[in-house]
N, C-alpha and C. Protein backbone atom coordinates (compact mmCIF):
# COMPACT_ATOMS: atom_id res chain seq x y z
N MET A 1 0.85 -1.20 0.00
CA MET A 1 0.00 0.00 0.00
C MET A 1 0.89 1.25 0.00
N HIS A 2 0.62 2.12 -0.94
CA HIS A 2 1.37 3.38 -1.01
C HIS A 2 0.92 4.31 0.11
N ARG A 3 1.82 5.21 0.51
CA ARG A 3 1.39 6.25 1.44
C ARG A 3 0.52 7.23 0.66
N LEU A 4 -0.47 7.77 1.32
CA LEU A 4 -1.43 8.69 0.71
C LEU A 4 -1.09 10.10 1.14
N ILE A 5 -0.90 10.98 0.16
CA ILE A 5 -0.53 12.37 0.45
C ILE A 5 -1.58 13.30 -0.15
N LEU A 6 -2.03 14.25 0.65
CA LEU A 6 -2.88 15.34 0.16
C LEU A 6 -1.96 16.52 -0.11
N GLY A 7 -1.83 16.90 -1.37
CA GLY A 7 -0.93 17.99 -1.76
C GLY A 7 -1.59 19.34 -1.62
N SER A 8 -2.14 19.61 -0.46
CA SER A 8 -2.87 20.86 -0.22
C SER A 8 -2.81 21.22 1.25
N GLN A 9 -2.69 22.51 1.52
CA GLN A 9 -2.74 22.94 2.91
C GLN A 9 -4.09 23.58 3.24
N SER A 10 -5.04 23.46 2.33
CA SER A 10 -6.37 24.00 2.58
C SER A 10 -6.97 23.35 3.82
N PRO A 11 -7.31 24.14 4.84
CA PRO A 11 -7.91 23.56 6.04
C PRO A 11 -9.20 22.81 5.75
N ARG A 12 -9.95 23.27 4.75
CA ARG A 12 -11.21 22.62 4.41
C ARG A 12 -10.95 21.23 3.81
N ARG A 13 -9.97 21.12 2.93
CA ARG A 13 -9.66 19.81 2.35
C ARG A 13 -9.09 18.86 3.40
N VAL A 14 -8.24 19.39 4.27
CA VAL A 14 -7.68 18.59 5.35
C VAL A 14 -8.81 18.04 6.22
N ASP A 15 -9.77 18.90 6.57
CA ASP A 15 -10.90 18.47 7.41
C ASP A 15 -11.74 17.42 6.70
N LEU A 16 -12.01 17.61 5.41
CA LEU A 16 -12.84 16.65 4.68
C LEU A 16 -12.18 15.28 4.62
N MET A 17 -10.87 15.24 4.36
CA MET A 17 -10.16 13.96 4.31
C MET A 17 -10.14 13.30 5.69
N ARG A 18 -9.90 14.09 6.72
CA ARG A 18 -9.87 13.56 8.09
C ARG A 18 -11.25 13.04 8.48
N ASP A 19 -12.28 13.84 8.22
CA ASP A 19 -13.64 13.44 8.60
C ASP A 19 -14.08 12.17 7.86
N ALA A 20 -13.53 11.96 6.66
CA ALA A 20 -13.87 10.74 5.90
C ALA A 20 -13.13 9.53 6.45
N GLY A 21 -12.11 9.74 7.27
CA GLY A 21 -11.42 8.63 7.91
C GLY A 21 -10.22 8.09 7.16
N TYR A 22 -9.66 8.88 6.24
CA TYR A 22 -8.47 8.40 5.52
C TYR A 22 -7.21 8.61 6.35
N ALA A 23 -6.28 7.68 6.23
CA ALA A 23 -4.95 7.82 6.81
C ALA A 23 -4.08 8.47 5.74
N TYR A 24 -3.66 9.70 5.97
CA TYR A 24 -2.94 10.44 4.95
C TYR A 24 -2.01 11.46 5.59
N GLU A 25 -1.14 12.01 4.78
CA GLU A 25 -0.24 13.08 5.20
C GLU A 25 -0.57 14.33 4.40
N VAL A 26 -0.25 15.47 4.95
CA VAL A 26 -0.43 16.74 4.25
C VAL A 26 0.94 17.28 3.87
N ILE A 27 1.16 17.43 2.57
CA ILE A 27 2.40 18.03 2.06
C ILE A 27 1.99 19.04 1.00
N PRO A 28 1.92 20.33 1.36
CA PRO A 28 1.47 21.34 0.41
C PRO A 28 2.37 21.41 -0.82
N ALA A 29 1.76 21.64 -1.96
CA ALA A 29 2.51 21.70 -3.21
C ALA A 29 3.31 23.00 -3.33
N GLY A 30 2.72 24.10 -2.89
CA GLY A 30 3.42 25.37 -2.95
C GLY A 30 3.73 25.83 -4.37
N VAL A 31 2.82 25.62 -5.30
CA VAL A 31 3.01 26.05 -6.68
C VAL A 31 2.05 27.20 -7.00
N GLU A 32 2.39 27.96 -8.01
CA GLU A 32 1.55 29.07 -8.47
C GLU A 32 0.45 28.52 -9.36
N GLU A 33 -0.80 28.76 -8.99
CA GLU A 33 -1.92 28.27 -9.79
C GLU A 33 -2.12 29.16 -11.01
N ALA A 34 -2.52 28.55 -12.11
CA ALA A 34 -2.86 29.31 -13.31
C ALA A 34 -4.25 29.92 -13.14
N MET A 35 -4.46 31.09 -13.71
CA MET A 35 -5.78 31.73 -13.70
C MET A 35 -6.05 32.19 -15.13
N ASP A 36 -6.37 31.24 -16.00
CA ASP A 36 -6.53 31.48 -17.42
C ASP A 36 -8.02 31.46 -17.77
N ALA A 37 -8.60 32.64 -17.93
CA ALA A 37 -10.03 32.76 -18.20
C ALA A 37 -10.43 32.16 -19.55
N SER A 38 -9.44 31.88 -20.43
CA SER A 38 -9.78 31.30 -21.73
C SER A 38 -10.06 29.80 -21.63
N LEU A 39 -9.66 29.17 -20.51
CA LEU A 39 -9.92 27.75 -20.32
C LEU A 39 -11.28 27.52 -19.68
N ARG A 40 -11.93 26.44 -20.09
CA ARG A 40 -13.19 26.06 -19.46
C ARG A 40 -12.90 25.62 -18.02
N PRO A 41 -13.89 25.74 -17.12
CA PRO A 41 -13.66 25.39 -15.71
C PRO A 41 -13.04 24.01 -15.49
N PRO A 42 -13.53 22.93 -16.14
CA PRO A 42 -12.91 21.63 -15.90
C PRO A 42 -11.44 21.58 -16.33
N GLU A 43 -11.14 22.23 -17.46
CA GLU A 43 -9.75 22.21 -17.95
C GLU A 43 -8.82 22.95 -17.00
N LEU A 44 -9.24 24.12 -16.54
CA LEU A 44 -8.39 24.93 -15.67
C LEU A 44 -8.19 24.28 -14.31
N THR A 45 -9.29 23.82 -13.70
CA THR A 45 -9.14 23.23 -12.36
C THR A 45 -8.36 21.92 -12.42
N CYS A 46 -8.58 21.12 -13.45
CA CYS A 46 -7.81 19.86 -13.57
C CYS A 46 -6.34 20.14 -13.85
N ALA A 47 -6.04 21.17 -14.64
CA ALA A 47 -4.64 21.52 -14.90
C ALA A 47 -3.95 21.97 -13.63
N ASN A 48 -4.62 22.79 -12.83
CA ASN A 48 -4.04 23.24 -11.57
C ASN A 48 -3.88 22.08 -10.59
N ALA A 49 -4.87 21.21 -10.53
CA ALA A 49 -4.79 20.05 -9.63
C ALA A 49 -3.62 19.14 -10.03
N ALA A 50 -3.45 18.91 -11.33
CA ALA A 50 -2.36 18.07 -11.81
C ALA A 50 -1.01 18.71 -11.53
N LEU A 51 -0.92 20.02 -11.68
CA LEU A 51 0.31 20.74 -11.37
C LEU A 51 0.72 20.51 -9.92
N LYS A 52 -0.25 20.61 -9.02
CA LYS A 52 0.03 20.41 -7.59
C LYS A 52 0.43 18.96 -7.30
N ALA A 53 -0.35 18.02 -7.82
CA ALA A 53 -0.07 16.60 -7.53
C ALA A 53 1.28 16.18 -8.08
N LYS A 54 1.60 16.61 -9.30
CA LYS A 54 2.87 16.21 -9.91
C LYS A 54 4.05 16.84 -9.20
N HIS A 55 3.87 18.06 -8.70
CA HIS A 55 4.95 18.73 -7.97
C HIS A 55 5.32 17.94 -6.71
N VAL A 56 4.30 17.50 -5.98
CA VAL A 56 4.55 16.71 -4.76
C VAL A 56 5.04 15.31 -5.13
N ALA A 57 4.45 14.70 -6.14
CA ALA A 57 4.83 13.34 -6.54
C ALA A 57 6.28 13.27 -7.01
N ALA A 58 6.79 14.35 -7.56
CA ALA A 58 8.19 14.35 -8.00
C ALA A 58 9.13 14.18 -6.80
N ARG A 59 8.71 14.66 -5.64
CA ARG A 59 9.53 14.51 -4.42
C ARG A 59 9.25 13.19 -3.70
N TYR A 60 8.07 12.62 -3.93
CA TYR A 60 7.67 11.38 -3.26
C TYR A 60 7.13 10.42 -4.32
N PRO A 61 8.02 9.86 -5.16
CA PRO A 61 7.56 9.06 -6.30
C PRO A 61 6.84 7.77 -5.91
N ASP A 62 7.03 7.27 -4.71
CA ASP A 62 6.34 6.04 -4.28
C ASP A 62 4.98 6.32 -3.64
N ALA A 63 4.64 7.58 -3.46
CA ALA A 63 3.39 7.94 -2.79
C ALA A 63 2.26 8.13 -3.80
N PHE A 64 1.04 8.00 -3.32
CA PHE A 64 -0.17 8.30 -4.10
C PHE A 64 -0.58 9.70 -3.67
N VAL A 65 -0.47 10.66 -4.58
CA VAL A 65 -0.66 12.07 -4.25
C VAL A 65 -1.96 12.60 -4.84
N ILE A 66 -2.70 13.33 -4.02
CA ILE A 66 -3.94 13.98 -4.45
C ILE A 66 -3.69 15.48 -4.54
N GLY A 67 -4.01 16.06 -5.68
CA GLY A 67 -3.99 17.51 -5.85
C GLY A 67 -5.40 17.96 -6.19
N ALA A 68 -5.75 19.17 -5.78
CA ALA A 68 -7.11 19.67 -6.05
C ALA A 68 -7.10 21.17 -6.28
N ASP A 69 -8.05 21.63 -7.05
CA ASP A 69 -8.24 23.05 -7.28
C ASP A 69 -9.74 23.30 -7.42
N THR A 70 -10.23 24.31 -6.75
CA THR A 70 -11.65 24.65 -6.79
C THR A 70 -11.80 26.10 -7.19
N LEU A 71 -12.67 26.34 -8.17
CA LEU A 71 -12.96 27.71 -8.59
C LEU A 71 -14.47 27.92 -8.66
N VAL A 72 -14.84 29.16 -8.43
CA VAL A 72 -16.22 29.61 -8.55
C VAL A 72 -16.35 30.31 -9.90
N TYR A 73 -17.40 29.97 -10.64
CA TYR A 73 -17.64 30.57 -11.95
C TYR A 73 -19.02 31.20 -11.98
N LEU A 74 -19.07 32.42 -12.47
CA LEU A 74 -20.35 33.11 -12.67
C LEU A 74 -20.42 33.53 -14.14
N ASP A 75 -21.44 33.07 -14.83
CA ASP A 75 -21.59 33.36 -16.26
C ASP A 75 -20.34 32.96 -17.05
N GLY A 76 -19.71 31.85 -16.64
CA GLY A 76 -18.54 31.34 -17.34
C GLY A 76 -17.23 32.01 -17.00
N ALA A 77 -17.26 33.06 -16.16
CA ALA A 77 -16.03 33.76 -15.79
C ALA A 77 -15.59 33.31 -14.40
N PRO A 78 -14.29 33.00 -14.24
CA PRO A 78 -13.81 32.52 -12.95
C PRO A 78 -13.71 33.63 -11.91
N LEU A 79 -14.09 33.29 -10.70
CA LEU A 79 -13.88 34.19 -9.55
C LEU A 79 -12.85 33.51 -8.65
N GLY A 80 -11.68 34.06 -8.59
CA GLY A 80 -10.63 33.50 -7.74
C GLY A 80 -10.80 33.97 -6.30
N LYS A 81 -9.70 34.01 -5.60
CA LYS A 81 -9.71 34.50 -4.22
C LYS A 81 -9.60 36.02 -4.25
N PRO A 82 -10.44 36.72 -3.51
CA PRO A 82 -10.37 38.18 -3.53
C PRO A 82 -9.06 38.68 -2.91
N SER A 83 -8.57 39.81 -3.44
CA SER A 83 -7.31 40.36 -2.94
C SER A 83 -7.51 41.23 -1.70
N ASP A 84 -8.73 41.71 -1.51
CA ASP A 84 -9.02 42.51 -0.32
C ASP A 84 -10.52 42.44 -0.03
N LEU A 85 -10.93 43.07 1.07
CA LEU A 85 -12.33 43.00 1.50
C LEU A 85 -13.27 43.61 0.48
N GLU A 86 -12.88 44.70 -0.14
CA GLU A 86 -13.77 45.34 -1.11
C GLU A 86 -13.99 44.46 -2.33
N GLU A 87 -12.96 43.73 -2.74
CA GLU A 87 -13.15 42.80 -3.86
C GLU A 87 -14.07 41.65 -3.43
N ALA A 88 -13.94 41.21 -2.18
CA ALA A 88 -14.84 40.17 -1.65
C ALA A 88 -16.28 40.67 -1.65
N VAL A 89 -16.49 41.92 -1.27
CA VAL A 89 -17.84 42.50 -1.29
C VAL A 89 -18.39 42.49 -2.71
N ARG A 90 -17.57 42.89 -3.68
CA ARG A 90 -18.02 42.90 -5.09
C ARG A 90 -18.36 41.49 -5.56
N MET A 91 -17.53 40.51 -5.19
CA MET A 91 -17.78 39.14 -5.61
C MET A 91 -19.09 38.61 -5.05
N VAL A 92 -19.25 38.72 -3.74
CA VAL A 92 -20.46 38.17 -3.11
C VAL A 92 -21.69 38.92 -3.59
N THR A 93 -21.58 40.22 -3.78
CA THR A 93 -22.70 41.00 -4.32
C THR A 93 -23.07 40.52 -5.71
N SER A 94 -22.06 40.19 -6.53
CA SER A 94 -22.35 39.71 -7.89
C SER A 94 -23.04 38.35 -7.88
N LEU A 95 -22.81 37.55 -6.82
CA LEU A 95 -23.42 36.22 -6.70
C LEU A 95 -24.84 36.29 -6.13
N ALA A 96 -25.17 37.36 -5.43
CA ALA A 96 -26.45 37.47 -4.73
C ALA A 96 -27.63 37.33 -5.69
N GLY A 97 -28.57 36.45 -5.31
CA GLY A 97 -29.78 36.25 -6.08
C GLY A 97 -29.58 35.50 -7.38
N ARG A 98 -28.40 34.89 -7.56
CA ARG A 98 -28.09 34.21 -8.82
C ARG A 98 -27.55 32.81 -8.56
N THR A 99 -27.50 32.02 -9.64
CA THR A 99 -26.92 30.68 -9.57
C THR A 99 -25.55 30.72 -10.25
N HIS A 100 -24.57 30.15 -9.58
CA HIS A 100 -23.22 30.05 -10.15
C HIS A 100 -22.75 28.60 -10.04
N GLN A 101 -21.58 28.34 -10.59
CA GLN A 101 -21.03 26.99 -10.57
C GLN A 101 -19.75 26.96 -9.74
N VAL A 102 -19.60 25.85 -9.01
CA VAL A 102 -18.35 25.56 -8.32
C VAL A 102 -17.78 24.33 -9.00
N CYS A 103 -16.57 24.48 -9.51
CA CYS A 103 -15.91 23.38 -10.22
C CYS A 103 -14.63 23.01 -9.48
N SER A 104 -14.51 21.75 -9.11
CA SER A 104 -13.26 21.23 -8.54
C SER A 104 -12.64 20.25 -9.50
N GLY A 105 -11.36 20.44 -9.74
CA GLY A 105 -10.57 19.46 -10.46
C GLY A 105 -9.74 18.70 -9.45
N VAL A 106 -9.64 17.39 -9.62
CA VAL A 106 -8.86 16.55 -8.71
C VAL A 106 -7.91 15.71 -9.54
N ALA A 107 -6.65 15.67 -9.11
CA ALA A 107 -5.64 14.86 -9.79
C ALA A 107 -5.07 13.85 -8.81
N MET A 108 -4.79 12.66 -9.31
CA MET A 108 -4.17 11.59 -8.51
C MET A 108 -2.96 11.10 -9.27
N VAL A 109 -1.79 11.17 -8.62
CA VAL A 109 -0.54 10.80 -9.28
C VAL A 109 0.27 9.89 -8.37
N CYS A 110 0.77 8.80 -8.94
CA CYS A 110 1.74 7.93 -8.27
C CYS A 110 2.76 7.54 -9.33
N GLU A 111 3.92 8.15 -9.27
CA GLU A 111 4.92 7.90 -10.30
C GLU A 111 5.34 6.44 -10.35
N ALA A 112 5.51 5.83 -9.17
CA ALA A 112 5.99 4.43 -9.12
C ALA A 112 5.01 3.47 -9.79
N SER A 113 3.72 3.79 -9.72
CA SER A 113 2.70 2.90 -10.30
C SER A 113 2.20 3.38 -11.66
N GLY A 114 2.72 4.50 -12.14
CA GLY A 114 2.29 5.03 -13.43
C GLY A 114 0.88 5.59 -13.42
N ILE A 115 0.41 6.01 -12.26
CA ILE A 115 -0.95 6.56 -12.15
C ILE A 115 -0.91 8.06 -12.37
N ASP A 116 -1.74 8.53 -13.28
CA ASP A 116 -1.85 9.95 -13.59
C ASP A 116 -3.28 10.17 -14.07
N GLU A 117 -4.18 10.48 -13.15
CA GLU A 117 -5.61 10.59 -13.46
C GLU A 117 -6.15 11.92 -12.96
N THR A 118 -7.15 12.42 -13.67
CA THR A 118 -7.86 13.62 -13.21
C THR A 118 -9.36 13.42 -13.41
N PHE A 119 -10.14 14.11 -12.61
CA PHE A 119 -11.58 14.18 -12.82
C PHE A 119 -12.06 15.53 -12.28
N HIS A 120 -13.25 15.90 -12.65
CA HIS A 120 -13.81 17.16 -12.14
C HIS A 120 -15.27 16.95 -11.74
N VAL A 121 -15.73 17.83 -10.87
CA VAL A 121 -17.12 17.82 -10.41
C VAL A 121 -17.62 19.26 -10.43
N ILE A 122 -18.83 19.45 -10.93
CA ILE A 122 -19.44 20.79 -10.97
C ILE A 122 -20.73 20.76 -10.14
N THR A 123 -20.87 21.75 -9.29
CA THR A 123 -22.06 21.90 -8.45
C THR A 123 -22.68 23.26 -8.71
N ASN A 124 -24.01 23.31 -8.85
CA ASN A 124 -24.72 24.58 -8.99
C ASN A 124 -25.11 25.11 -7.62
N VAL A 125 -24.78 26.37 -7.39
CA VAL A 125 -25.06 27.00 -6.10
C VAL A 125 -25.86 28.27 -6.35
N THR A 126 -26.99 28.40 -5.66
CA THR A 126 -27.83 29.59 -5.77
C THR A 126 -27.75 30.38 -4.47
N PHE A 127 -27.45 31.66 -4.61
CA PHE A 127 -27.39 32.56 -3.46
C PHE A 127 -28.75 33.22 -3.23
N LYS A 128 -29.01 33.55 -2.00
CA LYS A 128 -30.16 34.38 -1.66
C LYS A 128 -29.94 35.78 -2.22
N ALA A 129 -31.03 36.52 -2.42
CA ALA A 129 -30.91 37.95 -2.72
C ALA A 129 -30.40 38.61 -1.44
N LEU A 130 -29.37 39.43 -1.54
CA LEU A 130 -28.74 40.01 -0.35
C LEU A 130 -28.60 41.51 -0.49
N THR A 131 -28.83 42.22 0.61
CA THR A 131 -28.58 43.66 0.62
C THR A 131 -27.08 43.88 0.86
N ASP A 132 -26.63 45.09 0.64
CA ASP A 132 -25.22 45.42 0.88
C ASP A 132 -24.87 45.17 2.36
N ASP A 133 -25.78 45.54 3.26
CA ASP A 133 -25.52 45.32 4.69
C ASP A 133 -25.41 43.83 5.01
N GLU A 134 -26.26 43.01 4.37
CA GLU A 134 -26.20 41.56 4.61
C GLU A 134 -24.89 40.96 4.08
N VAL A 135 -24.44 41.46 2.94
CA VAL A 135 -23.17 40.99 2.38
C VAL A 135 -22.03 41.31 3.34
N ARG A 136 -22.00 42.56 3.81
CA ARG A 136 -20.90 42.98 4.70
C ARG A 136 -20.98 42.26 6.06
N ALA A 137 -22.18 42.03 6.55
CA ALA A 137 -22.33 41.31 7.83
C ALA A 137 -21.84 39.88 7.69
N TYR A 138 -22.14 39.25 6.55
CA TYR A 138 -21.66 37.88 6.31
C TYR A 138 -20.14 37.85 6.24
N LEU A 139 -19.57 38.74 5.45
CA LEU A 139 -18.11 38.74 5.27
C LEU A 139 -17.38 39.05 6.57
N ALA A 140 -18.02 39.77 7.49
CA ALA A 140 -17.40 40.06 8.78
C ALA A 140 -17.28 38.79 9.64
N LYS A 141 -18.06 37.75 9.32
CA LYS A 141 -18.05 36.51 10.10
C LYS A 141 -17.04 35.49 9.59
N ILE A 142 -16.49 35.69 8.38
CA ILE A 142 -15.57 34.70 7.80
C ILE A 142 -14.29 35.41 7.36
N ASP A 143 -13.31 34.63 6.90
CA ASP A 143 -12.12 35.19 6.27
C ASP A 143 -12.26 34.95 4.77
N PRO A 144 -12.78 35.93 4.03
CA PRO A 144 -13.08 35.69 2.62
C PRO A 144 -11.85 35.67 1.71
N LEU A 145 -10.69 36.11 2.20
CA LEU A 145 -9.55 36.31 1.32
C LEU A 145 -8.86 35.02 0.89
N ASP A 146 -9.15 33.89 1.55
CA ASP A 146 -8.53 32.63 1.12
C ASP A 146 -9.56 31.69 0.51
N LYS A 147 -10.66 32.27 0.01
CA LYS A 147 -11.75 31.45 -0.52
C LYS A 147 -12.16 31.91 -1.92
N ALA A 148 -12.22 30.98 -2.85
CA ALA A 148 -12.68 31.31 -4.20
C ALA A 148 -14.08 31.88 -4.13
N GLY A 149 -14.29 32.99 -4.81
CA GLY A 149 -15.59 33.65 -4.80
C GLY A 149 -15.85 34.48 -3.56
N GLY A 150 -14.92 34.43 -2.59
CA GLY A 150 -15.05 35.25 -1.39
C GLY A 150 -16.04 34.73 -0.37
N TYR A 151 -16.46 33.46 -0.49
CA TYR A 151 -17.40 32.94 0.48
C TYR A 151 -17.03 31.51 0.87
N ALA A 152 -17.62 31.07 1.98
CA ALA A 152 -17.38 29.72 2.47
C ALA A 152 -18.72 29.09 2.82
N ALA A 153 -19.09 28.07 2.05
CA ALA A 153 -20.39 27.41 2.28
C ALA A 153 -20.48 26.83 3.68
N GLN A 154 -19.35 26.34 4.21
CA GLN A 154 -19.35 25.67 5.50
C GLN A 154 -19.29 26.65 6.67
N GLU A 155 -19.06 27.93 6.39
CA GLU A 155 -19.00 28.94 7.45
C GLU A 155 -20.15 29.91 7.28
N HIS A 156 -21.17 29.77 8.10
CA HIS A 156 -22.34 30.67 8.06
C HIS A 156 -22.99 30.69 6.68
N GLY A 157 -22.88 29.57 5.96
CA GLY A 157 -23.46 29.49 4.63
C GLY A 157 -24.95 29.73 4.61
N ASN A 158 -25.62 29.43 5.73
CA ASN A 158 -27.06 29.66 5.81
C ASN A 158 -27.43 31.12 5.59
N LEU A 159 -26.49 32.02 5.78
CA LEU A 159 -26.77 33.45 5.61
C LEU A 159 -26.81 33.85 4.13
N VAL A 160 -26.15 33.06 3.27
CA VAL A 160 -26.06 33.46 1.86
C VAL A 160 -26.61 32.42 0.89
N LEU A 161 -26.60 31.15 1.28
CA LEU A 161 -27.00 30.10 0.35
C LEU A 161 -28.50 29.85 0.35
N GLN A 162 -29.06 29.76 -0.86
CA GLN A 162 -30.47 29.39 -1.00
C GLN A 162 -30.60 27.93 -1.38
N ALA A 163 -29.72 27.44 -2.29
CA ALA A 163 -29.80 26.05 -2.74
C ALA A 163 -28.44 25.57 -3.25
N VAL A 164 -28.18 24.29 -3.05
CA VAL A 164 -26.99 23.64 -3.59
C VAL A 164 -27.47 22.40 -4.34
N GLU A 165 -27.16 22.34 -5.64
CA GLU A 165 -27.57 21.22 -6.48
C GLU A 165 -26.33 20.44 -6.89
N GLY A 166 -26.12 19.30 -6.22
CA GLY A 166 -24.93 18.50 -6.50
C GLY A 166 -24.13 18.28 -5.22
N SER A 167 -22.84 18.07 -5.38
CA SER A 167 -21.96 17.71 -4.26
C SER A 167 -21.72 18.88 -3.31
N TRP A 168 -22.14 18.69 -2.06
CA TRP A 168 -21.89 19.71 -1.03
C TRP A 168 -20.40 19.80 -0.74
N THR A 169 -19.71 18.66 -0.62
CA THR A 169 -18.29 18.72 -0.28
C THR A 169 -17.47 19.34 -1.42
N ASN A 170 -17.97 19.27 -2.64
CA ASN A 170 -17.32 19.96 -3.74
C ASN A 170 -17.30 21.46 -3.48
N VAL A 171 -18.42 21.99 -3.01
CA VAL A 171 -18.50 23.43 -2.72
C VAL A 171 -17.54 23.79 -1.59
N VAL A 172 -17.36 22.87 -0.64
CA VAL A 172 -16.43 23.10 0.46
C VAL A 172 -14.98 23.04 -0.04
N GLY A 173 -14.70 22.22 -1.06
CA GLY A 173 -13.36 22.21 -1.61
C GLY A 173 -12.82 20.89 -2.10
N LEU A 174 -13.55 19.77 -1.87
CA LEU A 174 -13.07 18.47 -2.33
C LEU A 174 -14.27 17.52 -2.44
N PRO A 175 -14.61 17.09 -3.66
CA PRO A 175 -15.79 16.23 -3.85
C PRO A 175 -15.51 14.81 -3.32
N MET A 176 -15.90 14.56 -2.07
CA MET A 176 -15.48 13.36 -1.36
C MET A 176 -16.12 12.08 -1.88
N ASP A 177 -17.37 12.12 -2.32
CA ASP A 177 -17.99 10.89 -2.84
C ASP A 177 -17.24 10.40 -4.07
N GLU A 178 -16.98 11.32 -4.99
CA GLU A 178 -16.29 10.96 -6.22
C GLU A 178 -14.84 10.58 -5.93
N LEU A 179 -14.18 11.33 -5.05
CA LEU A 179 -12.80 10.99 -4.70
C LEU A 179 -12.73 9.63 -4.03
N GLY A 180 -13.69 9.33 -3.16
CA GLY A 180 -13.72 8.03 -2.49
C GLY A 180 -13.82 6.88 -3.46
N GLU A 181 -14.60 7.06 -4.53
CA GLU A 181 -14.71 6.01 -5.55
C GLU A 181 -13.37 5.78 -6.24
N HIS A 182 -12.68 6.85 -6.58
CA HIS A 182 -11.37 6.73 -7.23
C HIS A 182 -10.35 6.10 -6.29
N LEU A 183 -10.34 6.54 -5.03
CA LEU A 183 -9.39 5.99 -4.07
C LEU A 183 -9.64 4.50 -3.84
N ALA A 184 -10.90 4.11 -3.77
CA ALA A 184 -11.24 2.70 -3.55
C ALA A 184 -10.70 1.83 -4.69
N ARG A 185 -10.76 2.34 -5.92
CA ARG A 185 -10.22 1.60 -7.07
C ARG A 185 -8.73 1.38 -6.96
N HIS A 186 -8.07 2.25 -6.19
CA HIS A 186 -6.61 2.12 -6.01
C HIS A 186 -6.24 1.54 -4.66
N GLY A 187 -7.23 0.96 -3.96
CA GLY A 187 -6.94 0.23 -2.74
C GLY A 187 -6.97 1.03 -1.46
N PHE A 188 -7.42 2.28 -1.51
CA PHE A 188 -7.52 3.10 -0.31
C PHE A 188 -8.96 3.09 0.19
N SER A 189 -9.11 2.90 1.50
CA SER A 189 -10.47 2.94 2.05
C SER A 189 -10.50 3.86 3.26
N ALA A 190 -11.65 4.47 3.43
CA ALA A 190 -11.86 5.31 4.61
C ALA A 190 -12.10 4.40 5.81
N ALA A 191 -11.69 4.85 6.97
CA ALA A 191 -11.81 4.02 8.17
C ALA A 191 -12.63 4.72 9.24
N VAL A 192 -13.74 5.30 8.82
CA VAL A 192 -14.59 6.00 9.78
C VAL A 192 -15.29 4.98 10.66
N SER A 193 -15.21 5.17 11.95
CA SER A 193 -15.91 4.25 12.86
C SER A 193 -17.34 4.70 13.05
N GLU A 194 -18.23 3.76 13.01
CA GLU A 194 -19.66 4.09 13.15
C GLU A 194 -20.03 4.21 14.61
């Protein structure tokens, strides 16, 4: 059995993997993500995920490495992480009362076994109609600067979310049902005690 590495320091991804019961290590990739608006969401997120996984796998060729990238898209345009609070306000305001997509690309690489796979998951998320005061009150409760689209579904999401159609964990940052299926095919199982 190969050692399992999550090539991400995202606290949300770390929590999702831990809560699912996987035995894994966290080794952040530390690479610069591409932000190419000309690429479709699946292409861009899978490319970034593969970049991260391959970077870590090059240092640990016997390990099974997971890389992931999640982006928020509104009308086909990517919303990355806001650079400051005012950009976060603009992002969340633009999402208010509308449906957008959250796309996660996931890459799995094990150099020793010749594994190099990617997949993506898209979830539709609808925001409530929000006033400027409601947007600012929500953002005061979270740290929007490290989150794509400037929001966190798992942190006070009830204040902004109206509906989520598809994978909830994808919106949080890692589509666990789909990842679990891929990991199971490669001999990894979650060990959550009931």
